[in-house]
Full PDB file with SEQRES, HELIX, SHEET, SSBOND, CRYST1, ORIGX, SCALE, CONECT and MASTER records, all heavy atoms in Angstrom:
SEQRES   1 A   35  ALA GLU VAL PRO SER HIS TRP GLN VAL TYR PHE ALA VAL          
SEQRES   2 A   35  GLU ASP THR ASP ALA ALA ILE ASN LYS ALA THR ALA MET          
SEQRES   3 A   35  GLY ALA THR VAL LEU ASP GLY PRO ALA                          
HELIX    1 AA1 THR A   16  ALA A   25  1                                  10    
CRYST1    1.000    1.000    1.000  90.00  90.00  90.00 P 1           1          
ORIGX1      1.000000  0.000000  0.000000        0.00000                         
ORIGX2      0.000000  1.000000  0.000000        0.00000                         
ORIGX3      0.000000  0.000000  1.000000        0.00000                         
SCALE1      1.000000  0.000000  0.000000        0.00000                         
SCALE2      0.000000  1.000000  0.000000        0.00000                         
SCALE3      0.000000  0.000000  1.000000        0.00000                         
ATOM      1  N   ALA A   1      13.949   6.567   3.814  1.00  0.00           N  
ATOM      2  CA  ALA A   1      12.779   5.691   3.750  1.00  0.00           C  
ATOM      3  C   ALA A   1      11.605   6.350   3.041  1.00  0.00           C  
ATOM      4  O   ALA A   1      10.849   5.693   2.323  1.00  0.00           O  
ATOM      5  CB  ALA A   1      12.373   5.269   5.162  1.00  0.00           C  
ATOM      6  N   GLU A   2      11.467   7.677   3.222  1.00  0.00           N  
ATOM      7  CA  GLU A   2      10.310   8.366   2.656  1.00  0.00           C  
ATOM      8  C   GLU A   2      10.487   8.735   1.182  1.00  0.00           C  
ATOM      9  O   GLU A   2       9.540   9.191   0.528  1.00  0.00           O  
ATOM     10  CB  GLU A   2      10.001   9.637   3.455  1.00  0.00           C  
ATOM     11  CG  GLU A   2      11.047  10.738   3.362  1.00  0.00           C  
ATOM     12  CD  GLU A   2      12.186  10.593   4.375  1.00  0.00           C  
ATOM     13  OE1 GLU A   2      12.316   9.502   4.976  1.00  0.00           O  
ATOM     14  OE2 GLU A   2      12.936  11.565   4.537  1.00  0.00           O  
ATOM     15  N   VAL A   3      11.687   8.535   0.645  1.00  0.00           N  
ATOM     16  CA  VAL A   3      11.948   8.867  -0.762  1.00  0.00           C  
ATOM     17  C   VAL A   3      11.945   7.584  -1.579  1.00  0.00           C  
ATOM     18  O   VAL A   3      12.793   6.713  -1.373  1.00  0.00           O  
ATOM     19  CB  VAL A   3      13.290   9.611  -0.922  1.00  0.00           C  
ATOM     20  CG1 VAL A   3      13.569   9.891  -2.401  1.00  0.00           C  
ATOM     21  CG2 VAL A   3      13.281  10.906  -0.125  1.00  0.00           C  
ATOM     22  N   PRO A   4      11.020   7.444  -2.517  1.00  0.00           N  
ATOM     23  CA  PRO A   4      10.962   6.207  -3.309  1.00  0.00           C  
ATOM     24  C   PRO A   4      12.050   6.165  -4.376  1.00  0.00           C  
ATOM     25  O   PRO A   4      12.700   7.175  -4.679  1.00  0.00           O  
ATOM     26  CB  PRO A   4       9.577   6.274  -3.952  1.00  0.00           C  
ATOM     27  CG  PRO A   4       9.302   7.743  -4.083  1.00  0.00           C  
ATOM     28  CD  PRO A   4       9.938   8.384  -2.873  1.00  0.00           C  
ATOM     29  N   SER A   5      12.248   5.005  -4.950  1.00  0.00           N  
ATOM     30  CA  SER A   5      13.097   4.905  -6.144  1.00  0.00           C  
ATOM     31  C   SER A   5      12.554   5.862  -7.189  1.00  0.00           C  
ATOM     32  O   SER A   5      11.355   6.101  -7.281  1.00  0.00           O  
ATOM     33  CB  SER A   5      13.064   3.480  -6.696  1.00  0.00           C  
ATOM     34  OG  SER A   5      13.498   2.543  -5.742  1.00  0.00           O  
ATOM     35  N   HIS A   6      13.447   6.413  -8.006  1.00  0.00           N  
ATOM     36  CA  HIS A   6      12.988   7.393  -8.978  1.00  0.00           C  
ATOM     37  C   HIS A   6      14.014   7.569 -10.086  1.00  0.00           C  
ATOM     38  O   HIS A   6      15.203   7.303  -9.909  1.00  0.00           O  
ATOM     39  CB  HIS A   6      12.724   8.748  -8.311  1.00  0.00           C  
ATOM     40  CG  HIS A   6      13.930   9.330  -7.635  1.00  0.00           C  
ATOM     41  ND1 HIS A   6      14.287   8.977  -6.345  1.00  0.00           N  
ATOM     42  CD2 HIS A   6      14.863  10.225  -8.051  1.00  0.00           C  
ATOM     43  CE1 HIS A   6      15.389   9.621  -6.006  1.00  0.00           C  
ATOM     44  NE2 HIS A   6      15.766  10.376  -7.025  1.00  0.00           N  
ATOM     45  N   TRP A   7      13.526   8.051 -11.227  1.00  0.00           N  
ATOM     46  CA  TRP A   7      14.377   8.426 -12.342  1.00  0.00           C  
ATOM     47  C   TRP A   7      14.776   9.891 -12.225  1.00  0.00           C  
ATOM     48  O   TRP A   7      13.984  10.719 -11.762  1.00  0.00           O  
ATOM     49  CB  TRP A   7      13.646   8.206 -13.664  1.00  0.00           C  
ATOM     50  CG  TRP A   7      13.642   6.777 -14.117  1.00  0.00           C  
ATOM     51  CD1 TRP A   7      12.759   5.795 -13.749  1.00  0.00           C  
ATOM     52  CD2 TRP A   7      14.584   6.174 -15.013  1.00  0.00           C  
ATOM     53  NE1 TRP A   7      13.095   4.612 -14.373  1.00  0.00           N  
ATOM     54  CE2 TRP A   7      14.213   4.822 -15.156  1.00  0.00           C  
ATOM     55  CE3 TRP A   7      15.698   6.647 -15.711  1.00  0.00           C  
ATOM     56  CZ2 TRP A   7      14.912   3.933 -15.957  1.00  0.00           C  
ATOM     57  CZ3 TRP A   7      16.395   5.763 -16.518  1.00  0.00           C  
ATOM     58  CH2 TRP A   7      16.009   4.422 -16.631  1.00  0.00           C  
ATOM     59  N   GLN A   8      16.003  10.215 -12.627  1.00  0.00           N  
ATOM     60  CA  GLN A   8      16.458  11.599 -12.678  1.00  0.00           C  
ATOM     61  C   GLN A   8      16.942  11.918 -14.094  1.00  0.00           C  
ATOM     62  O   GLN A   8      17.564  11.080 -14.750  1.00  0.00           O  
ATOM     63  CB  GLN A   8      17.594  11.844 -11.680  1.00  0.00           C  
ATOM     64  CG  GLN A   8      17.143  11.816 -10.226  1.00  0.00           C  
ATOM     65  CD  GLN A   8      18.252  12.197  -9.272  1.00  0.00           C  
ATOM     66  OE1 GLN A   8      19.421  12.223  -9.627  1.00  0.00           O  
ATOM     67  NE2 GLN A   8      17.872  12.487  -8.042  1.00  0.00           N  
ATOM     68  N   VAL A   9      16.637  13.136 -14.523  1.00  0.00           N  
ATOM     69  CA  VAL A   9      17.070  13.621 -15.829  1.00  0.00           C  
ATOM     70  C   VAL A   9      18.225  14.598 -15.635  1.00  0.00           C  
ATOM     71  O   VAL A   9      18.158  15.489 -14.785  1.00  0.00           O  
ATOM     72  CB  VAL A   9      15.926  14.324 -16.574  1.00  0.00           C  
ATOM     73  CG1 VAL A   9      16.406  14.825 -17.935  1.00  0.00           C  
ATOM     74  CG2 VAL A   9      14.736  13.391 -16.745  1.00  0.00           C  
ATOM     75  N   TYR A  10      19.299  14.402 -16.404  1.00  0.00           N  
ATOM     76  CA  TYR A  10      20.419  15.340 -16.443  1.00  0.00           C  
ATOM     77  C   TYR A  10      20.296  16.183 -17.711  1.00  0.00           C  
ATOM     78  O   TYR A  10      20.063  15.645 -18.793  1.00  0.00           O  
ATOM     79  CB  TYR A  10      21.755  14.598 -16.531  1.00  0.00           C  
ATOM     80  CG  TYR A  10      22.208  13.848 -15.319  1.00  0.00           C  
ATOM     81  CD1 TYR A  10      21.511  12.742 -14.835  1.00  0.00           C  
ATOM     82  CD2 TYR A  10      23.388  14.205 -14.662  1.00  0.00           C  
ATOM     83  CE1 TYR A  10      21.958  12.027 -13.742  1.00  0.00           C  
ATOM     84  CE2 TYR A  10      23.856  13.493 -13.570  1.00  0.00           C  
ATOM     85  CZ  TYR A  10      23.136  12.408 -13.107  1.00  0.00           C  
ATOM     86  OH  TYR A  10      23.591  11.691 -12.014  1.00  0.00           O  
ATOM     87  N   PHE A  11      20.492  17.492 -17.566  1.00  0.00           N  
ATOM     88  CA  PHE A  11      20.534  18.388 -18.714  1.00  0.00           C  
ATOM     89  C   PHE A  11      21.958  18.887 -18.925  1.00  0.00           C  
ATOM     90  O   PHE A  11      22.647  19.248 -17.964  1.00  0.00           O  
ATOM     91  CB  PHE A  11      19.611  19.588 -18.500  1.00  0.00           C  
ATOM     92  CG  PHE A  11      18.150  19.231 -18.489  1.00  0.00           C  
ATOM     93  CD1 PHE A  11      17.491  18.996 -17.291  1.00  0.00           C  
ATOM     94  CD2 PHE A  11      17.439  19.119 -19.672  1.00  0.00           C  
ATOM     95  CE1 PHE A  11      16.145  18.671 -17.269  1.00  0.00           C  
ATOM     96  CE2 PHE A  11      16.089  18.789 -19.667  1.00  0.00           C  
ATOM     97  CZ  PHE A  11      15.439  18.564 -18.463  1.00  0.00           C  
ATOM     98  N   ALA A  12      22.386  18.904 -20.163  1.00  0.00           N  
ATOM     99  CA  ALA A  12      23.704  19.436 -20.484  1.00  0.00           C  
ATOM    100  C   ALA A  12      23.683  20.959 -20.419  1.00  0.00           C  
ATOM    101  O   ALA A  12      22.714  21.597 -20.825  1.00  0.00           O  
ATOM    102  CB  ALA A  12      24.133  18.993 -21.877  1.00  0.00           C  
ATOM    103  N   VAL A  13      24.748  21.537 -19.874  1.00  0.00           N  
ATOM    104  CA  VAL A  13      24.944  22.989 -19.862  1.00  0.00           C  
ATOM    105  C   VAL A  13      26.390  23.269 -20.229  1.00  0.00           C  
ATOM    106  O   VAL A  13      27.261  22.406 -20.081  1.00  0.00           O  
ATOM    107  CB  VAL A  13      24.616  23.607 -18.485  1.00  0.00           C  
ATOM    108  CG1 VAL A  13      23.136  23.469 -18.165  1.00  0.00           C  
ATOM    109  CG2 VAL A  13      25.462  22.991 -17.376  1.00  0.00           C  
ATOM    110  N   GLU A  14      26.657  24.468 -20.694  1.00  0.00           N  
ATOM    111  CA  GLU A  14      28.031  24.819 -21.053  1.00  0.00           C  
ATOM    112  C   GLU A  14      28.880  25.044 -19.817  1.00  0.00           C  
ATOM    113  O   GLU A  14      30.064  24.710 -19.797  1.00  0.00           O  
ATOM    114  CB  GLU A  14      28.036  26.060 -21.940  1.00  0.00           C  
ATOM    115  CG  GLU A  14      27.455  25.824 -23.327  1.00  0.00           C  
ATOM    116  CD  GLU A  14      27.529  27.065 -24.197  1.00  0.00           C  
ATOM    117  OE1 GLU A  14      27.980  28.116 -23.686  1.00  0.00           O  
ATOM    118  OE2 GLU A  14      27.144  26.980 -25.370  1.00  0.00           O  
ATOM    119  N   ASP A  15      28.277  25.627 -18.775  1.00  0.00           N  
ATOM    120  CA  ASP A  15      29.017  25.997 -17.564  1.00  0.00           C  
ATOM    121  C   ASP A  15      28.091  25.770 -16.381  1.00  0.00           C  
ATOM    122  O   ASP A  15      27.114  26.496 -16.189  1.00  0.00           O  
ATOM    123  CB  ASP A  15      29.456  27.462 -17.659  1.00  0.00           C  
ATOM    124  CG  ASP A  15      30.292  27.927 -16.479  1.00  0.00           C  
ATOM    125  OD1 ASP A  15      30.009  27.519 -15.335  1.00  0.00           O  
ATOM    126  OD2 ASP A  15      31.220  28.730 -16.691  1.00  0.00           O  
ATOM    127  N   THR A  16      28.394  24.747 -15.578  1.00  0.00           N  
ATOM    128  CA  THR A  16      27.519  24.370 -14.468  1.00  0.00           C  
ATOM    129  C   THR A  16      27.353  25.499 -13.472  1.00  0.00           C  
ATOM    130  O   THR A  16      26.236  25.792 -13.023  1.00  0.00           O  
ATOM    131  CB  THR A  16      28.067  23.110 -13.777  1.00  0.00           C  
ATOM    132  OG1 THR A  16      28.065  22.031 -14.716  1.00  0.00           O  
ATOM    133  CG2 THR A  16      27.223  22.724 -12.572  1.00  0.00           C  
ATOM    134  N   ASP A  17      28.437  26.153 -13.094  1.00  0.00           N  
ATOM    135  CA  ASP A  17      28.345  27.198 -12.078  1.00  0.00           C  
ATOM    136  C   ASP A  17      27.545  28.399 -12.582  1.00  0.00           C  
ATOM    137  O   ASP A  17      26.754  28.987 -11.837  1.00  0.00           O  
ATOM    138  CB  ASP A  17      29.744  27.612 -11.630  1.00  0.00           C  
ATOM    139  CG  ASP A  17      30.468  26.474 -10.931  1.00  0.00           C  
ATOM    140  OD1 ASP A  17      30.323  26.338  -9.709  1.00  0.00           O  
ATOM    141  OD2 ASP A  17      31.161  25.689 -11.616  1.00  0.00           O  
ATOM    142  N   ALA A  18      27.748  28.763 -13.847  1.00  0.00           N  
ATOM    143  CA  ALA A  18      26.980  29.861 -14.421  1.00  0.00           C  
ATOM    144  C   ALA A  18      25.500  29.508 -14.487  1.00  0.00           C  
ATOM    145  O   ALA A  18      24.631  30.353 -14.232  1.00  0.00           O  
ATOM    146  CB  ALA A  18      27.511  30.206 -15.809  1.00  0.00           C  
ATOM    147  N   ALA A  19      25.194  28.244 -14.824  1.00  0.00           N  
ATOM    148  CA  ALA A  19      23.801  27.802 -14.871  1.00  0.00           C  
ATOM    149  C   ALA A  19      23.171  27.829 -13.486  1.00  0.00           C  
ATOM    150  O   ALA A  19      21.994  28.197 -13.335  1.00  0.00           O  
ATOM    151  CB  ALA A  19      23.712  26.401 -15.476  1.00  0.00           C  
ATOM    152  N   ILE A  20      23.927  27.454 -12.470  1.00  0.00           N  
ATOM    153  CA  ILE A  20      23.415  27.521 -11.094  1.00  0.00           C  
ATOM    154  C   ILE A  20      23.076  28.958 -10.727  1.00  0.00           C  
ATOM    155  O   ILE A  20      22.017  29.247 -10.158  1.00  0.00           O  
ATOM    156  CB  ILE A  20      24.441  26.939 -10.115  1.00  0.00           C  
ATOM    157  CG1 ILE A  20      24.525  25.418 -10.264  1.00  0.00           C  
ATOM    158  CG2 ILE A  20      24.089  27.302  -8.663  1.00  0.00           C  
ATOM    159  CD1 ILE A  20      25.646  24.777  -9.470  1.00  0.00           C  
ATOM    160  N   ASN A  21      23.967  29.871 -11.042  1.00  0.00           N  
ATOM    161  CA  ASN A  21      23.721  31.278 -10.725  1.00  0.00           C  
ATOM    162  C   ASN A  21      22.464  31.791 -11.410  1.00  0.00           C  
ATOM    163  O   ASN A  21      21.645  32.500 -10.814  1.00  0.00           O  
ATOM    164  CB  ASN A  21      24.927  32.130 -11.125  1.00  0.00           C  
ATOM    165  CG  ASN A  21      26.153  31.870 -10.261  1.00  0.00           C  
ATOM    166  OD1 ASN A  21      26.025  31.385  -9.133  1.00  0.00           O  
ATOM    167  ND2 ASN A  21      27.320  32.178 -10.779  1.00  0.00           N  
ATOM    168  N   LYS A  22      22.295  31.423 -12.670  1.00  0.00           N  
ATOM    169  CA  LYS A  22      21.113  31.862 -13.411  1.00  0.00           C  
ATOM    170  C   LYS A  22      19.854  31.240 -12.825  1.00  0.00           C  
ATOM    171  O   LYS A  22      18.827  31.919 -12.649  1.00  0.00           O  
ATOM    172  CB  LYS A  22      21.262  31.500 -14.884  1.00  0.00           C  
ATOM    173  CG  LYS A  22      20.076  31.915 -15.754  1.00  0.00           C  
ATOM    174  CD  LYS A  22      20.290  31.556 -17.220  1.00  0.00           C  
ATOM    175  CE  LYS A  22      21.286  32.475 -17.887  1.00  0.00           C  
ATOM    176  NZ  LYS A  22      21.329  32.244 -19.375  1.00  0.00           N  
ATOM    177  N   ALA A  23      19.917  29.940 -12.521  1.00  0.00           N  
ATOM    178  CA  ALA A  23      18.739  29.233 -12.006  1.00  0.00           C  
ATOM    179  C   ALA A  23      18.319  29.753 -10.633  1.00  0.00           C  
ATOM    180  O   ALA A  23      17.123  29.970 -10.378  1.00  0.00           O  
ATOM    181  CB  ALA A  23      19.021  27.734 -11.945  1.00  0.00           C  
ATOM    182  N   THR A  24      19.269  29.953  -9.741  1.00  0.00           N  
ATOM    183  CA  THR A  24      18.917  30.410  -8.393  1.00  0.00           C  
ATOM    184  C   THR A  24      18.379  31.837  -8.418  1.00  0.00           C  
ATOM    185  O   THR A  24      17.515  32.193  -7.610  1.00  0.00           O  
ATOM    186  CB  THR A  24      20.113  30.299  -7.439  1.00  0.00           C  
ATOM    187  OG1 THR A  24      21.247  30.980  -7.996  1.00  0.00           O  
ATOM    188  CG2 THR A  24      20.479  28.834  -7.198  1.00  0.00           C  
ATOM    189  N   ALA A  25      18.857  32.646  -9.357  1.00  0.00           N  
ATOM    190  CA  ALA A  25      18.337  34.007  -9.484  1.00  0.00           C  
ATOM    191  C   ALA A  25      16.874  33.997  -9.901  1.00  0.00           C  
ATOM    192  O   ALA A  25      16.138  34.970  -9.669  1.00  0.00           O  
ATOM    193  CB  ALA A  25      19.167  34.796 -10.494  1.00  0.00           C  
ATOM    194  N   MET A  26      16.430  32.895 -10.512  1.00  0.00           N  
ATOM    195  CA  MET A  26      15.035  32.765 -10.941  1.00  0.00           C  
ATOM    196  C   MET A  26      14.192  31.944  -9.973  1.00  0.00           C  
ATOM    197  O   MET A  26      13.066  31.558 -10.288  1.00  0.00           O  
ATOM    198  CB  MET A  26      14.986  32.145 -12.337  1.00  0.00           C  
ATOM    199  CG  MET A  26      15.562  33.024 -13.428  1.00  0.00           C  
ATOM    200  SD  MET A  26      15.280  32.337 -15.095  1.00  0.00           S  
ATOM    201  CE  MET A  26      16.371  30.899 -15.055  1.00  0.00           C  
ATOM    202  N   GLY A  27      14.740  31.615  -8.792  1.00  0.00           N  
ATOM    203  CA  GLY A  27      13.954  30.921  -7.781  1.00  0.00           C  
ATOM    204  C   GLY A  27      14.244  29.461  -7.588  1.00  0.00           C  
ATOM    205  O   GLY A  27      13.558  28.784  -6.809  1.00  0.00           O  
ATOM    206  N   ALA A  28      15.257  28.924  -8.263  1.00  0.00           N  
ATOM    207  CA  ALA A  28      15.637  27.520  -8.068  1.00  0.00           C  
ATOM    208  C   ALA A  28      16.426  27.357  -6.773  1.00  0.00           C  
ATOM    209  O   ALA A  28      16.966  28.325  -6.220  1.00  0.00           O  
ATOM    210  CB  ALA A  28      16.455  27.021  -9.249  1.00  0.00           C  
ATOM    211  N   THR A  29      16.519  26.118  -6.322  1.00  0.00           N  
ATOM    212  CA  THR A  29      17.276  25.765  -5.119  1.00  0.00           C  
ATOM    213  C   THR A  29      18.319  24.721  -5.476  1.00  0.00           C  
ATOM    214  O   THR A  29      18.016  23.774  -6.210  1.00  0.00           O  
ATOM    215  CB  THR A  29      16.338  25.183  -4.042  1.00  0.00           C  
ATOM    216  OG1 THR A  29      15.297  26.125  -3.767  1.00  0.00           O  
ATOM    217  CG2 THR A  29      17.100  24.888  -2.761  1.00  0.00           C  
ATOM    218  N   VAL A  30      19.536  24.893  -4.967  1.00  0.00           N  
ATOM    219  CA  VAL A  30      20.583  23.895  -5.163  1.00  0.00           C  
ATOM    220  C   VAL A  30      20.435  22.824  -4.088  1.00  0.00           C  
ATOM    221  O   VAL A  30      20.497  23.116  -2.894  1.00  0.00           O  
ATOM    222  CB  VAL A  30      21.986  24.523  -5.093  1.00  0.00           C  
ATOM    223  CG1 VAL A  30      23.057  23.448  -5.285  1.00  0.00           C  
ATOM    224  CG2 VAL A  30      22.141  25.613  -6.152  1.00  0.00           C  
ATOM    225  N   LEU A  31      20.240  21.579  -4.500  1.00  0.00           N  
ATOM    226  CA  LEU A  31      20.067  20.471  -3.568  1.00  0.00           C  
ATOM    227  C   LEU A  31      21.353  19.692  -3.336  1.00  0.00           C  
ATOM    228  O   LEU A  31      21.520  19.076  -2.289  1.00  0.00           O  
ATOM    229  CB  LEU A  31      18.975  19.524  -4.083  1.00  0.00           C  
ATOM    230  CG  LEU A  31      17.598  20.143  -4.318  1.00  0.00           C  
ATOM    231  CD1 LEU A  31      16.641  19.095  -4.866  1.00  0.00           C  
ATOM    232  CD2 LEU A  31      17.051  20.758  -3.036  1.00  0.00           C  
ATOM    233  N   ASP A  32      22.247  19.703  -4.317  1.00  0.00           N  
ATOM    234  CA  ASP A  32      23.494  18.950  -4.189  1.00  0.00           C  
ATOM    235  C   ASP A  32      24.506  19.505  -5.189  1.00  0.00           C  
ATOM    236  O   ASP A  32      24.151  19.846  -6.312  1.00  0.00           O  
ATOM    237  CB  ASP A  32      23.252  17.465  -4.452  1.00  0.00           C  
ATOM    238  CG  ASP A  32      24.454  16.604  -4.078  1.00  0.00           C  
ATOM    239  OD1 ASP A  32      25.180  16.969  -3.142  1.00  0.00           O  
ATOM    240  OD2 ASP A  32      24.665  15.566  -4.738  1.00  0.00           O  
ATOM    241  N   GLY A  33      25.772  19.562  -4.759  1.00  0.00           N  
ATOM    242  CA  GLY A  33      26.821  20.026  -5.653  1.00  0.00           C  
ATOM    243  C   GLY A  33      26.968  21.532  -5.601  1.00  0.00           C  
ATOM    244  O   GLY A  33      26.435  22.196  -4.706  1.00  0.00           O  
ATOM    245  N   PRO A  34      27.702  22.057  -6.590  1.00  0.00           N  
ATOM    246  CA  PRO A  34      28.291  21.365  -7.749  1.00  0.00           C  
ATOM    247  C   PRO A  34      29.525  20.553  -7.362  1.00  0.00           C  
ATOM    248  O   PRO A  34      30.212  20.872  -6.396  1.00  0.00           O  
ATOM    249  CB  PRO A  34      28.654  22.514  -8.686  1.00  0.00           C  
ATOM    250  CG  PRO A  34      28.933  23.667  -7.767  1.00  0.00           C  
ATOM    251  CD  PRO A  34      27.973  23.507  -6.630  1.00  0.00           C  
ATOM    252  N   ALA A  35      29.774  19.503  -8.120  1.00  0.00           N  
ATOM    253  CA  ALA A  35      30.920  18.639  -7.886  1.00  0.00           C  
ATOM    254  C   ALA A  35      31.434  18.123  -9.218  1.00  0.00           C  
ATOM    255  O   ALA A  35      30.654  17.875 -10.153  1.00  0.00           O  
ATOM    256  CB  ALA A  35      30.525  17.458  -6.997  1.00  0.00           C  
TER     257      ALA A  35                                                      
MASTER        0    0    0    1    0    0    0    6  256    1    0    3          
END                                                                             
């Protein structure tokens, strides 16, 4: 209920898991996936 409708942007990467590792090492958080 507290989350409104919204647009999401997808970015292409060569390797999703490698990108996750790089992103989290820089302070990102994984909210869903990978799947």
